[in-house]
Amino acid sequence: MSDSSSTTTVERKDADHRYEILVDGRRAGLTAYRDLNRQRVFFHTETDEAFAGQGLASQLVQQALDDVRASGMRIVPVCPYVAKFLKRHDEFADITDRVTPDVLRWLRAQLG
């Protein structure tokens, strides 16, 4: 369980195709993606049960989407959590693309 003295960081792990949120160096959650040209397709977000209810998933996704913007890419929210986050945060509307059948077919092929 984290407390006010905990250190929380978000790291992009390109080799693993995900962003991780770390609490005192321990992975507390992740959001996974695959890149399709200039689109970052987010398909899964999870938080370890030991860290549930602390707002870490929201913090993780916020920082991941900030990183997508900074890198000049666009967001495709296949992940239900990311899609829900985007409905509450319209500041990302200008870089968000709809989930299309073509994207879903491509993602299924990527994930095997």
PDB file of N, CA and C in Angstrom:
ATOM      1  N   MET A   1       0.837  -1.173   0.000  1.00  0.00           N
ATOM      2  CA  MET A   1       0.000   0.000   0.000  1.00  0.00           C
ATOM      3  C   MET A   1       0.884   1.238   0.000  1.00  0.00           C
ATOM      4  N   SER A   2       0.551   2.210  -0.858  1.00  0.00           N
ATOM      5  CA  SER A   2       1.371   3.418  -0.901  1.00  0.00           C
ATOM      6  C   SER A   2       0.879   4.417   0.132  1.00  0.00           C
ATOM      7  N   ASP A   3       1.775   5.300   0.539  1.00  0.00           N
ATOM      8  CA  ASP A   3       1.399   6.359   1.466  1.00  0.00           C
ATOM      9  C   ASP A   3       2.020   7.650   0.968  1.00  0.00           C
ATOM     10  N   SER A   4       1.904   8.726   1.733  1.00  0.00           N
ATOM     11  CA  SER A   4       2.364  10.031   1.276  1.00  0.00           C
ATOM     12  C   SER A   4       3.872  10.080   1.083  1.00  0.00           C
ATOM     13  N   SER A   5       4.604   9.142   1.652  1.00  0.00           N
ATOM     14  CA  SER A   5       6.056   9.145   1.485  1.00  0.00           C
ATOM     15  C   SER A   5       6.514   8.261   0.323  1.00  0.00           C
ATOM     16  N   SER A   6       5.575   7.642  -0.379  1.00  0.00           N
ATOM     17  CA  SER A   6       5.913   6.773  -1.505  1.00  0.00           C
ATOM     18  C   SER A   6       6.334   7.598  -2.710  1.00  0.00           C
ATOM     19  N   THR A   7       7.233   7.025  -3.501  1.00  0.00           N
ATOM     20  CA  THR A   7       7.656   7.634  -4.752  1.00  0.00           C
ATOM     21  C   THR A   7       6.967   6.903  -5.894  1.00  0.00           C
ATOM     22  N   THR A   8       6.221   7.646  -6.704  1.00  0.00           N
ATOM     23  CA  THR A   8       5.493   7.066  -7.825  1.00  0.00           C
ATOM     24  C   THR A   8       6.062   7.620  -9.120  1.00  0.00           C
ATOM     25  N   THR A   9       6.393   6.717 -10.042  1.00  0.00           N
ATOM     26  CA  THR A   9       6.907   7.129 -11.342  1.00  0.00           C
ATOM     27  C   THR A   9       6.239   6.318 -12.441  1.00  0.00           C
ATOM     28  N   VAL A  10       6.183   6.898 -13.630  1.00  0.00           N
ATOM     29  CA  VAL A  10       5.673   6.200 -14.802  1.00  0.00           C
ATOM     30  C   VAL A  10       6.813   6.108 -15.807  1.00  0.00           C
ATOM     31  N   GLU A  11       7.007   4.905 -16.342  1.00  0.00           N
ATOM     32  CA  GLU A  11       8.076   4.666 -17.311  1.00  0.00           C
ATOM     33  C   GLU A  11       7.504   4.011 -18.552  1.00  0.00           C
ATOM     34  N   ARG A  12       7.998   4.438 -19.724  1.00  0.00           N
ATOM     35  CA  ARG A  12       7.632   3.767 -20.975  1.00  0.00           C
ATOM     36  C   ARG A  12       8.654   2.667 -21.213  1.00  0.00           C
ATOM     37  N   LYS A  13       8.163   1.464 -21.429  1.00  0.00           N
ATOM     38  CA  LYS A  13       9.005   0.292 -21.689  1.00  0.00           C
ATOM     39  C   LYS A  13       8.754  -0.152 -23.135  1.00  0.00           C
ATOM     40  N   ASP A  14       9.469   0.478 -24.075  1.00  0.00           N
ATOM     41  CA  ASP A  14       9.225   0.210 -25.492  1.00  0.00           C
ATOM     42  C   ASP A  14       9.380  -1.259 -25.857  1.00  0.00           C
ATOM     43  N   ALA A  15      10.383  -1.929 -25.316  1.00  0.00           N
ATOM     44  CA  ALA A  15      10.622  -3.335 -25.653  1.00  0.00           C
ATOM     45  C   ALA A  15       9.443  -4.223 -25.250  1.00  0.00           C
ATOM     46  N   ASP A  16       8.718  -3.810 -24.209  1.00  0.00           N
ATOM     47  CA  ASP A  16       7.564  -4.570 -23.728  1.00  0.00           C
ATOM     48  C   ASP A  16       6.239  -3.991 -24.204  1.00  0.00           C
ATOM     49  N   HIS A  17       6.281  -2.906 -24.963  1.00  0.00           N
ATOM     50  CA  HIS A  17       5.081  -2.255 -25.497  1.00  0.00           C
ATOM     51  C   HIS A  17       4.111  -1.853 -24.388  1.00  0.00           C
ATOM     52  N   ARG A  18       4.642  -1.165 -23.385  1.00  0.00           N
ATOM     53  CA  ARG A  18       3.755  -0.749 -22.299  1.00  0.00           C
ATOM     54  C   ARG A  18       4.372   0.396 -21.505  1.00  0.00           C
ATOM     55  N   TYR A  19       3.503   1.045 -20.764  1.00  0.00           N
ATOM     56  CA  TYR A  19       3.912   2.010 -19.749  1.00  0.00           C
ATOM     57  C   TYR A  19       3.660   1.326 -18.413  1.00  0.00           C
ATOM     58  N   GLU A  20       4.570   1.532 -17.468  1.00  0.00           N
ATOM     59  CA  GLU A  20       4.408   0.946 -16.138  1.00  0.00           C
ATOM     60  C   GLU A  20       4.391   2.067 -15.111  1.00  0.00           C
ATOM     61  N   ILE A  21       3.566   1.905 -14.091  1.00  0.00           N
ATOM     62  CA  ILE A  21       3.606   2.807 -12.956  1.00  0.00           C
ATOM     63  C   ILE A  21       4.273   2.058 -11.810  1.00  0.00           C
ATOM     64  N   LEU A  22       5.277   2.698 -11.225  1.00  0.00           N
ATOM     65  CA  LEU A  22       6.064   2.094 -10.155  1.00  0.00           C
ATOM     66  C   LEU A  22       5.831   2.867  -8.867  1.00  0.00           C
ATOM     67  N   VAL A  23       5.644   2.148  -7.785  1.00  0.00           N
ATOM     68  CA  VAL A  23       5.544   2.741  -6.448  1.00  0.00           C
ATOM     69  C   VAL A  23       6.732   2.222  -5.659  1.00  0.00           C
ATOM     70  N   ASP A  24       7.594   3.136  -5.296  1.00  0.00           N
ATOM     71  CA  ASP A  24       8.840   2.769  -4.606  1.00  0.00           C
ATOM     72  C   ASP A  24       9.599   1.671  -5.351  1.00  0.00           C
ATOM     73  N   GLY A  25       9.624   1.785  -6.684  1.00  0.00           N
ATOM     74  CA  GLY A  25      10.364   0.842  -7.510  1.00  0.00           C
ATOM     75  C   GLY A  25       9.643  -0.451  -7.842  1.00  0.00           C
ATOM     76  N   ARG A  26       8.471  -0.656  -7.274  1.00  0.00           N
ATOM     77  CA  ARG A  26       7.694  -1.887  -7.518  1.00  0.00           C
ATOM     78  C   ARG A  26       6.590  -1.604  -8.530  1.00  0.00           C
ATOM     79  N   ARG A  27       6.489  -2.447  -9.569  1.00  0.00           N
ATOM     80  CA  ARG A  27       5.441  -2.238 -10.561  1.00  0.00           C
ATOM     81  C   ARG A  27       4.063  -2.401  -9.925  1.00  0.00           C
ATOM     82  N   ALA A  28       3.267  -1.351 -10.043  1.00  0.00           N
ATOM     83  CA  ALA A  28       1.924  -1.353  -9.471  1.00  0.00           C
ATOM     84  C   ALA A  28       0.849  -1.477 -10.540  1.00  0.00           C
ATOM     85  N   GLY A  29       1.216  -1.240 -11.787  1.00  0.00           N
ATOM     86  CA  GLY A  29       0.242  -1.335 -12.863  1.00  0.00           C
ATOM     87  C   GLY A  29       0.897  -1.095 -14.207  1.00  0.00           C
ATOM     88  N   LEU A  30       0.102  -1.302 -15.262  1.00  0.00           N
ATOM     89  CA  LEU A  30       0.615  -1.096 -16.607  1.00  0.00           C
ATOM     90  C   LEU A  30      -0.523  -0.785 -17.560  1.00  0.00           C
ATOM     91  N   THR A  31      -0.172  -0.137 -18.657  1.00  0.00           N
ATOM     92  CA  THR A  31      -1.083   0.013 -19.786  1.00  0.00           C
ATOM     93  C   THR A  31      -0.313  -0.392 -21.028  1.00  0.00           C
ATOM     94  N   ALA A  32      -0.863  -1.341 -21.778  1.00  0.00           N
ATOM     95  CA  ALA A  32      -0.168  -1.956 -22.903  1.00  0.00           C
ATOM     96  C   ALA A  32      -0.632  -1.346 -24.226  1.00  0.00           C
ATOM     97  N   TYR A  33       0.281  -1.303 -25.190  1.00  0.00           N
ATOM     98  CA  TYR A  33      -0.027  -0.707 -26.484  1.00  0.00           C
ATOM     99  C   TYR A  33       0.744  -1.410 -27.593  1.00  0.00           C
ATOM    100  N   ARG A  34       0.327  -1.142 -28.805  1.00  0.00           N
ATOM    101  CA  ARG A  34       1.082  -1.463 -30.005  1.00  0.00           C
ATOM    102  C   ARG A  34       1.009  -0.219 -30.889  1.00  0.00           C
ATOM    103  N   ASP A  35       2.058   0.016 -31.656  1.00  0.00           N
ATOM    104  CA  ASP A  35       2.099   1.175 -32.544  1.00  0.00           C
ATOM    105  C   ASP A  35       1.752   0.769 -33.965  1.00  0.00           C
ATOM    106  N   LEU A  36       0.829   1.506 -34.552  1.00  0.00           N
ATOM    107  CA  LEU A  36       0.409   1.336 -35.939  1.00  0.00           C
ATOM    108  C   LEU A  36       0.696   2.660 -36.632  1.00  0.00           C
ATOM    109  N   ASN A  37       1.824   2.713 -37.325  1.00  0.00           N
ATOM    110  CA  ASN A  37       2.276   3.955 -37.937  1.00  0.00           C
ATOM    111  C   ASN A  37       2.381   5.039 -36.865  1.00  0.00           C
ATOM    112  N   ARG A  38       1.596   6.102 -36.957  1.00  0.00           N
ATOM    113  CA  ARG A  38       1.672   7.203 -35.992  1.00  0.00           C
ATOM    114  C   ARG A  38       0.574   7.093 -34.929  1.00  0.00           C
ATOM    115  N   GLN A  39      -0.043   5.928 -34.822  1.00  0.00           N
ATOM    116  CA  GLN A  39      -1.082   5.707 -33.817  1.00  0.00           C
ATOM    117  C   GLN A  39      -0.556   4.777 -32.733  1.00  0.00           C
ATOM    118  N   ARG A  40      -0.790   5.142 -31.489  1.00  0.00           N
ATOM    119  CA  ARG A  40      -0.478   4.259 -30.368  1.00  0.00           C
ATOM    120  C   ARG A  40      -1.811   3.652 -29.929  1.00  0.00           C
ATOM    121  N   VAL A  41      -1.958   2.360 -30.152  1.00  0.00           N
ATOM    122  CA  VAL A  41      -3.202   1.636 -29.890  1.00  0.00           C
ATOM    123  C   VAL A  41      -3.113   1.010 -28.497  1.00  0.00           C
ATOM    124  N   PHE A  42      -3.862   1.578 -27.557  1.00  0.00           N
ATOM    125  CA  PHE A  42      -3.890   1.055 -26.185  1.00  0.00           C
ATOM    126  C   PHE A  42      -4.950  -0.035 -26.107  1.00  0.00           C
ATOM    127  N   PHE A  43      -4.559  -1.212 -25.597  1.00  0.00           N
ATOM    128  CA  PHE A  43      -5.509  -2.329 -25.585  1.00  0.00           C
ATOM    129  C   PHE A  43      -5.715  -2.963 -24.214  1.00  0.00           C
ATOM    130  N   HIS A  44      -4.933  -2.599 -23.210  1.00  0.00           N
ATOM    131  CA  HIS A  44      -5.111  -3.236 -21.896  1.00  0.00           C
ATOM    132  C   HIS A  44      -4.480  -2.369 -20.815  1.00  0.00           C
ATOM    133  N   THR A  45      -5.203  -2.205 -19.703  1.00  0.00           N
ATOM    134  CA  THR A  45      -4.684  -1.497 -18.536  1.00  0.00           C
ATOM    135  C   THR A  45      -5.033  -2.315 -17.308  1.00  0.00           C
ATOM    136  N   GLU A  46      -4.074  -2.426 -16.383  1.00  0.00           N
ATOM    137  CA  GLU A  46      -4.336  -3.163 -15.141  1.00  0.00           C
ATOM    138  C   GLU A  46      -3.548  -2.543 -13.997  1.00  0.00           C
ATOM    139  N   THR A  47      -4.088  -2.720 -12.795  1.00  0.00           N
ATOM    140  CA  THR A  47      -3.416  -2.297 -11.570  1.00  0.00           C
ATOM    141  C   THR A  47      -3.362  -3.492 -10.636  1.00  0.00           C
ATOM    142  N   ASP A  48      -2.213  -3.711 -10.009  1.00  0.00           N
ATOM    143  CA  ASP A  48      -2.059  -4.783  -9.039  1.00  0.00           C
ATOM    144  C   ASP A  48      -3.055  -4.563  -7.903  1.00  0.00           C
ATOM    145  N   GLU A  49      -3.691  -5.630  -7.450  1.00  0.00           N
ATOM    146  CA  GLU A  49      -4.687  -5.531  -6.373  1.00  0.00           C
ATOM    147  C   GLU A  49      -4.155  -4.833  -5.134  1.00  0.00           C
ATOM    148  N   ALA A  50      -2.886  -5.007  -4.839  1.00  0.00           N
ATOM    149  CA  ALA A  50      -2.297  -4.382  -3.646  1.00  0.00           C
ATOM    150  C   ALA A  50      -2.316  -2.860  -3.729  1.00  0.00           C
ATOM    151  N   PHE A  51      -2.494  -2.319  -4.949  1.00  0.00           N
ATOM    152  CA  PHE A  51      -2.474  -0.872  -5.148  1.00  0.00           C
ATOM    153  C   PHE A  51      -3.824  -0.328  -5.610  1.00  0.00           C
ATOM    154  N   ALA A  52      -4.856  -1.155  -5.590  1.00  0.00           N
ATOM    155  CA  ALA A  52      -6.176  -0.749  -6.069  1.00  0.00           C
ATOM    156  C   ALA A  52      -6.744   0.400  -5.240  1.00  0.00           C
ATOM    157  N   GLY A  53      -7.536   1.235  -5.889  1.00  0.00           N
ATOM    158  CA  GLY A  53      -8.244   2.300  -5.193  1.00  0.00           C
ATOM    159  C   GLY A  53      -7.414   3.521  -4.841  1.00  0.00           C
ATOM    160  N   GLN A  54      -6.223   3.638  -5.401  1.00  0.00           N
ATOM    161  CA  GLN A  54      -5.342   4.762  -5.068  1.00  0.00           C
ATOM    162  C   GLN A  54      -5.206   5.762  -6.208  1.00  0.00           C
ATOM    163  N   GLY A  55      -5.960   5.563  -7.285  1.00  0.00           N
ATOM    164  CA  GLY A  55      -5.883   6.481  -8.411  1.00  0.00           C
ATOM    165  C   GLY A  55      -4.675   6.281  -9.296  1.00  0.00           C
ATOM    166  N   LEU A  56      -3.992   5.147  -9.139  1.00  0.00           N
ATOM    167  CA  LEU A  56      -2.774   4.917  -9.902  1.00  0.00           C
ATOM    168  C   LEU A  56      -3.048   4.677 -11.389  1.00  0.00           C
ATOM    169  N   ALA A  57      -4.140   4.004 -11.718  1.00  0.00           N
ATOM    170  CA  ALA A  57      -4.453   3.758 -13.128  1.00  0.00           C
ATOM    171  C   ALA A  57      -4.687   5.076 -13.851  1.00  0.00           C
ATOM    172  N   SER A  58      -5.397   5.981 -13.212  1.00  0.00           N
ATOM    173  CA  SER A  58      -5.646   7.289 -13.805  1.00  0.00           C
ATOM    174  C   SER A  58      -4.351   8.068 -13.999  1.00  0.00           C
ATOM    175  N   GLN A  59      -3.494   8.041 -13.004  1.00  0.00           N
ATOM    176  CA  GLN A  59      -2.199   8.711 -13.091  1.00  0.00           C
ATOM    177  C   GLN A  59      -1.356   8.092 -14.213  1.00  0.00           C
ATOM    178  N   LEU A  60      -1.363   6.774 -14.302  1.00  0.00           N
ATOM    179  CA  LEU A  60      -0.625   6.058 -15.337  1.00  0.00           C
ATOM    180  C   LEU A  60      -1.094   6.464 -16.729  1.00  0.00           C
ATOM    181  N   VAL A  61      -2.399   6.405 -16.948  1.00  0.00           N
ATOM    182  CA  VAL A  61      -2.942   6.711 -18.268  1.00  0.00           C
ATOM    183  C   VAL A  61      -2.720   8.186 -18.612  1.00  0.00           C
ATOM    184  N   GLN A  62      -2.908   9.074 -17.662  1.00  0.00           N
ATOM    185  CA  GLN A  62      -2.654  10.504 -17.902  1.00  0.00           C
ATOM    186  C   GLN A  62      -1.228  10.718 -18.418  1.00  0.00           C
ATOM    187  N   GLN A  63      -0.265  10.144 -17.736  1.00  0.00           N
ATOM    188  CA  GLN A  63       1.128  10.336 -18.133  1.00  0.00           C
ATOM    189  C   GLN A  63       1.457   9.634 -19.445  1.00  0.00           C
ATOM    190  N   ALA A  64       0.848   8.482 -19.674  1.00  0.00           N
ATOM    191  CA  ALA A  64       1.060   7.782 -20.948  1.00  0.00           C
ATOM    192  C   ALA A  64       0.523   8.625 -22.106  1.00  0.00           C
ATOM    193  N   LEU A  65      -0.667   9.199 -21.940  1.00  0.00           N
ATOM    194  CA  LEU A  65      -1.256  10.004 -23.008  1.00  0.00           C
ATOM    195  C   LEU A  65      -0.489  11.310 -23.201  1.00  0.00           C
ATOM    196  N   ASP A  66       0.015  11.877 -22.120  1.00  0.00           N
ATOM    197  CA  ASP A  66       0.891  13.048 -22.246  1.00  0.00           C
ATOM    198  C   ASP A  66       2.126  12.699 -23.080  1.00  0.00           C
ATOM    199  N   ASP A  67       2.667  11.509 -22.862  1.00  0.00           N
ATOM    200  CA  ASP A  67       3.833  11.064 -23.611  1.00  0.00           C
ATOM    201  C   ASP A  67       3.493  10.870 -25.088  1.00  0.00           C
ATOM    202  N   VAL A  68       2.313  10.323 -25.364  1.00  0.00           N
ATOM    203  CA  VAL A  68       1.884  10.150 -26.756  1.00  0.00           C
ATOM    204  C   VAL A  68       1.825  11.516 -27.439  1.00  0.00           C
ATOM    205  N   ARG A  69       1.237  12.495 -26.767  1.00  0.00           N
ATOM    206  CA  ARG A  69       1.158  13.842 -27.335  1.00  0.00           C
ATOM    207  C   ARG A  69       2.560  14.402 -27.588  1.00  0.00           C
ATOM    208  N   ALA A  70       3.439  14.272 -26.622  1.00  0.00           N
ATOM    209  CA  ALA A  70       4.797  14.815 -26.743  1.00  0.00           C
ATOM    210  C   ALA A  70       5.570  14.166 -27.885  1.00  0.00           C
ATOM    211  N   SER A  71       5.256  12.914 -28.192  1.00  0.00           N
ATOM    212  CA  SER A  71       5.969  12.213 -29.253  1.00  0.00           C
ATOM    213  C   SER A  71       5.339  12.434 -30.630  1.00  0.00           C
ATOM    214  N   GLY A  72       4.258  13.218 -30.689  1.00  0.00           N
ATOM    215  CA  GLY A  72       3.624  13.529 -31.967  1.00  0.00           C
ATOM    216  C   GLY A  72       2.761  12.419 -32.521  1.00  0.00           C
ATOM    217  N   MET A  73       2.369  11.487 -31.667  1.00  0.00           N
ATOM    218  CA  MET A  73       1.540  10.368 -32.109  1.00  0.00           C
ATOM    219  C   MET A  73       0.076  10.633 -31.792  1.00  0.00           C
ATOM    220  N   ARG A  74      -0.765   9.693 -32.170  1.00  0.00           N
ATOM    221  CA  ARG A  74      -2.199   9.771 -31.903  1.00  0.00           C
ATOM    222  C   ARG A  74      -2.610   8.575 -31.037  1.00  0.00           C
ATOM    223  N   ILE A  75      -3.759   8.682 -30.405  1.00  0.00           N
ATOM    224  CA  ILE A  75      -4.265   7.674 -29.470  1.00  0.00           C
ATOM    225  C   ILE A  75      -5.423   6.915 -30.119  1.00  0.00           C
ATOM    226  N   VAL A  76      -5.407   5.593 -29.979  1.00  0.00           N
ATOM    227  CA  VAL A  76      -6.556   4.765 -30.353  1.00  0.00           C
ATOM    228  C   VAL A  76      -6.915   3.956 -29.104  1.00  0.00           C
ATOM    229  N   PRO A  77      -8.076   4.254 -28.485  1.00  0.00           N
ATOM    230  CA  PRO A  77      -8.433   3.641 -27.200  1.00  0.00           C
ATOM    231  C   PRO A  77      -9.243   2.346 -27.317  1.00  0.00           C
ATOM    232  N   VAL A  78      -8.585   1.243 -27.641  1.00  0.00           N
ATOM    233  CA  VAL A  78      -9.258  -0.057 -27.639  1.00  0.00           C
ATOM    234  C   VAL A  78      -9.537  -0.483 -26.198  1.00  0.00           C
ATOM    235  N   CYS A  79      -8.622  -0.204 -25.294  1.00  0.00           N
ATOM    236  CA  CYS A  79      -8.780  -0.542 -23.880  1.00  0.00           C
ATOM    237  C   CYS A  79      -9.974   0.216 -23.285  1.00  0.00           C
ATOM    238  N   PRO A  80     -10.914  -0.486 -22.645  1.00  0.00           N
ATOM    239  CA  PRO A  80     -12.073   0.190 -22.051  1.00  0.00           C
ATOM    240  C   PRO A  80     -11.686   1.247 -21.019  1.00  0.00           C
ATOM    241  N   TYR A  81     -10.645   1.001 -20.240  1.00  0.00           N
ATOM    242  CA  TYR A  81     -10.256   1.989 -19.233  1.00  0.00           C
ATOM    243  C   TYR A  81      -9.749   3.267 -19.900  1.00  0.00           C
ATOM    244  N   VAL A  82      -8.925   3.129 -20.930  1.00  0.00           N
ATOM    245  CA  VAL A  82      -8.413   4.308 -21.633  1.00  0.00           C
ATOM    246  C   VAL A  82      -9.566   5.050 -22.309  1.00  0.00           C
ATOM    247  N   ALA A  83     -10.494   4.318 -22.907  1.00  0.00           N
ATOM    248  CA  ALA A  83     -11.653   4.953 -23.543  1.00  0.00           C
ATOM    249  C   ALA A  83     -12.467   5.746 -22.524  1.00  0.00           C
ATOM    250  N   LYS A  84     -12.699   5.169 -21.355  1.00  0.00           N
ATOM    251  CA  LYS A  84     -13.446   5.853 -20.292  1.00  0.00           C
ATOM    252  C   LYS A  84     -12.680   7.095 -19.811  1.00  0.00           C
ATOM    253  N   PHE A  85     -11.380   6.967 -19.651  1.00  0.00           N
ATOM    254  CA  PHE A  85     -10.549   8.092 -19.237  1.00  0.00           C
ATOM    255  C   PHE A  85     -10.681   9.238 -20.236  1.00  0.00           C
ATOM    256  N   LEU A  86     -10.636   8.920 -21.532  1.00  0.00           N
ATOM    257  CA  LEU A  86     -10.718   9.944 -22.563  1.00  0.00           C
ATOM    258  C   LEU A  86     -12.066  10.656 -22.572  1.00  0.00           C
ATOM    259  N   LYS A  87     -13.133   9.979 -22.192  1.00  0.00           N
ATOM    260  CA  LYS A  87     -14.447  10.632 -22.117  1.00  0.00           C
ATOM    261  C   LYS A  87     -14.468  11.699 -21.029  1.00  0.00           C
ATOM    262  N   ARG A  88     -13.651  11.517 -19.997  1.00  0.00           N
ATOM    263  CA  ARG A  88     -13.591  12.489 -18.901  1.00  0.00           C
ATOM    264  C   ARG A  88     -12.505  13.546 -19.121  1.00  0.00           C
ATOM    265  N   HIS A  89     -11.662  13.342 -20.119  1.00  0.00           N
ATOM    266  CA  HIS A  89     -10.518  14.239 -20.344  1.00  0.00           C
ATOM    267  C   HIS A  89     -10.477  14.651 -21.808  1.00  0.00           C
ATOM    268  N   ASP A  90     -11.306  15.642 -22.151  1.00  0.00           N
ATOM    269  CA  ASP A  90     -11.402  16.045 -23.548  1.00  0.00           C
ATOM    270  C   ASP A  90     -10.181  16.807 -24.055  1.00  0.00           C
ATOM    271  N   GLU A  91      -9.207  17.045 -23.181  1.00  0.00           N
ATOM    272  CA  GLU A  91      -7.982  17.705 -23.634  1.00  0.00           C
ATOM    273  C   GLU A  91      -7.169  16.830 -24.600  1.00  0.00           C
ATOM    274  N   PHE A  92      -7.559  15.551 -24.715  1.00  0.00           N
ATOM    275  CA  PHE A  92      -6.876  14.654 -25.650  1.00  0.00           C
ATOM    276  C   PHE A  92      -7.693  14.401 -26.918  1.00  0.00           C
ATOM    277  N   ALA A  93      -8.846  15.043 -27.048  1.00  0.00           N
ATOM    278  CA  ALA A  93      -9.732  14.803 -28.198  1.00  0.00           C
ATOM    279  C   ALA A  93      -9.042  15.091 -29.528  1.00  0.00           C
ATOM    280  N   ASP A  94      -8.159  16.078 -29.542  1.00  0.00           N
ATOM    281  CA  ASP A  94      -7.502  16.466 -30.794  1.00  0.00           C
ATOM    282  C   ASP A  94      -6.487  15.441 -31.294  1.00  0.00           C
ATOM    283  N   ILE A  95      -6.101  14.495 -30.448  1.00  0.00           N
ATOM    284  CA  ILE A  95      -5.140  13.470 -30.881  1.00  0.00           C
ATOM    285  C   ILE A  95      -5.706  12.057 -30.726  1.00  0.00           C
ATOM    286  N   THR A  96      -7.028  11.949 -30.591  1.00  0.00           N
ATOM    287  CA  THR A  96      -7.674  10.646 -30.418  1.00  0.00           C
ATOM    288  C   THR A  96      -8.379  10.233 -31.698  1.00  0.00           C
ATOM    289  N   ASP A  97      -8.121   9.008 -32.144  1.00  0.00           N
ATOM    290  CA  ASP A  97      -8.775   8.442 -33.322  1.00  0.00           C
ATOM    291  C   ASP A  97      -9.772   7.377 -32.876  1.00  0.00           C
ATOM    292  N   ARG A  98     -10.805   7.203 -33.684  1.00  0.00           N
ATOM    293  CA  ARG A  98     -11.801   6.171 -33.402  1.00  0.00           C
ATOM    294  C   ARG A  98     -11.202   4.771 -33.553  1.00  0.00           C
ATOM    295  N   VAL A  99     -11.757   3.843 -32.815  1.00  0.00           N
ATOM    296  CA  VAL A  99     -11.416   2.435 -32.984  1.00  0.00           C
ATOM    297  C   VAL A  99     -12.210   1.943 -34.195  1.00  0.00           C
ATOM    298  N   THR A 100     -11.512   1.414 -35.181  1.00  0.00           N
ATOM    299  CA  THR A 100     -12.166   0.940 -36.401  1.00  0.00           C
ATOM    300  C   THR A 100     -11.997  -0.573 -36.525  1.00  0.00           C
ATOM    301  N   PRO A 101     -12.827  -1.208 -37.361  1.00  0.00           N
ATOM    302  CA  PRO A 101     -12.643  -2.645 -37.599  1.00  0.00           C
ATOM    303  C   PRO A 101     -11.252  -2.973 -38.129  1.00  0.00           C
ATOM    304  N   ASP A 102     -10.683  -2.096 -38.964  1.00  0.00           N
ATOM    305  CA  ASP A 102      -9.331  -2.339 -39.485  1.00  0.00           C
ATOM    306  C   ASP A 102      -8.299  -2.348 -38.360  1.00  0.00           C
ATOM    307  N   VAL A 103      -8.428  -1.419 -37.428  1.00  0.00           N
ATOM    308  CA  VAL A 103      -7.495  -1.371 -36.294  1.00  0.00           C
ATOM    309  C   VAL A 103      -7.644  -2.634 -35.444  1.00  0.00           C
ATOM    310  N   LEU A 104      -8.869  -3.053 -35.216  1.00  0.00           N
ATOM    311  CA  LEU A 104      -9.099  -4.254 -34.404  1.00  0.00           C
ATOM    312  C   LEU A 104      -8.526  -5.495 -35.073  1.00  0.00           C
ATOM    313  N   ARG A 105      -8.700  -5.617 -36.397  1.00  0.00           N
ATOM    314  CA  ARG A 105      -8.115  -6.759 -37.124  1.00  0.00           C
ATOM    315  C   ARG A 105      -6.594  -6.731 -37.017  1.00  0.00           C
ATOM    316  N   TRP A 106      -6.006  -5.542 -37.208  1.00  0.00           N
ATOM    317  CA  TRP A 106      -4.559  -5.393 -37.121  1.00  0.00           C
ATOM    318  C   TRP A 106      -4.070  -5.778 -35.713  1.00  0.00           C
ATOM    319  N   LEU A 107      -4.778  -5.301 -34.683  1.00  0.00           N
ATOM    320  CA  LEU A 107      -4.365  -5.591 -33.303  1.00  0.00           C
ATOM    321  C   LEU A 107      -4.444  -7.085 -33.019  1.00  0.00           C
ATOM    322  N   ARG A 108      -5.515  -7.742 -33.446  1.00  0.00           N
ATOM    323  CA  ARG A 108      -5.628  -9.197 -33.248  1.00  0.00           C
ATOM    324  C   ARG A 108      -4.449  -9.916 -33.888  1.00  0.00           C
ATOM    325  N   ALA A 109      -4.049  -9.482 -35.077  1.00  0.00           N
ATOM    326  CA  ALA A 109      -2.904 -10.113 -35.749  1.00  0.00           C
ATOM    327  C   ALA A 109      -1.612  -9.856 -34.977  1.00  0.00           C
ATOM    328  N   GLN A 110      -1.468  -8.666 -34.418  1.00  0.00           N
ATOM    329  CA  GLN A 110      -0.267  -8.343 -33.639  1.00  0.00           C
ATOM    330  C   GLN A 110      -0.157  -9.183 -32.375  1.00  0.00           C
ATOM    331  N   LEU A 111      -1.298  -9.393 -31.733  1.00  0.00           N
ATOM    332  CA  LEU A 111      -1.314 -10.099 -30.450  1.00  0.00           C
ATOM    333  C   LEU A 111      -1.364 -11.613 -30.605  1.00  0.00           C
ATOM    334  N   GLY A 112      -1.615 -12.072 -31.818  1.00  0.00           N
ATOM    335  CA  GLY A 112      -1.631 -13.516 -32.082  1.00  0.00           C
ATOM    336  C   GLY A 112      -2.865 -14.127 -31.562  1.00  0.00           C
TER     337      GLY A 112
END
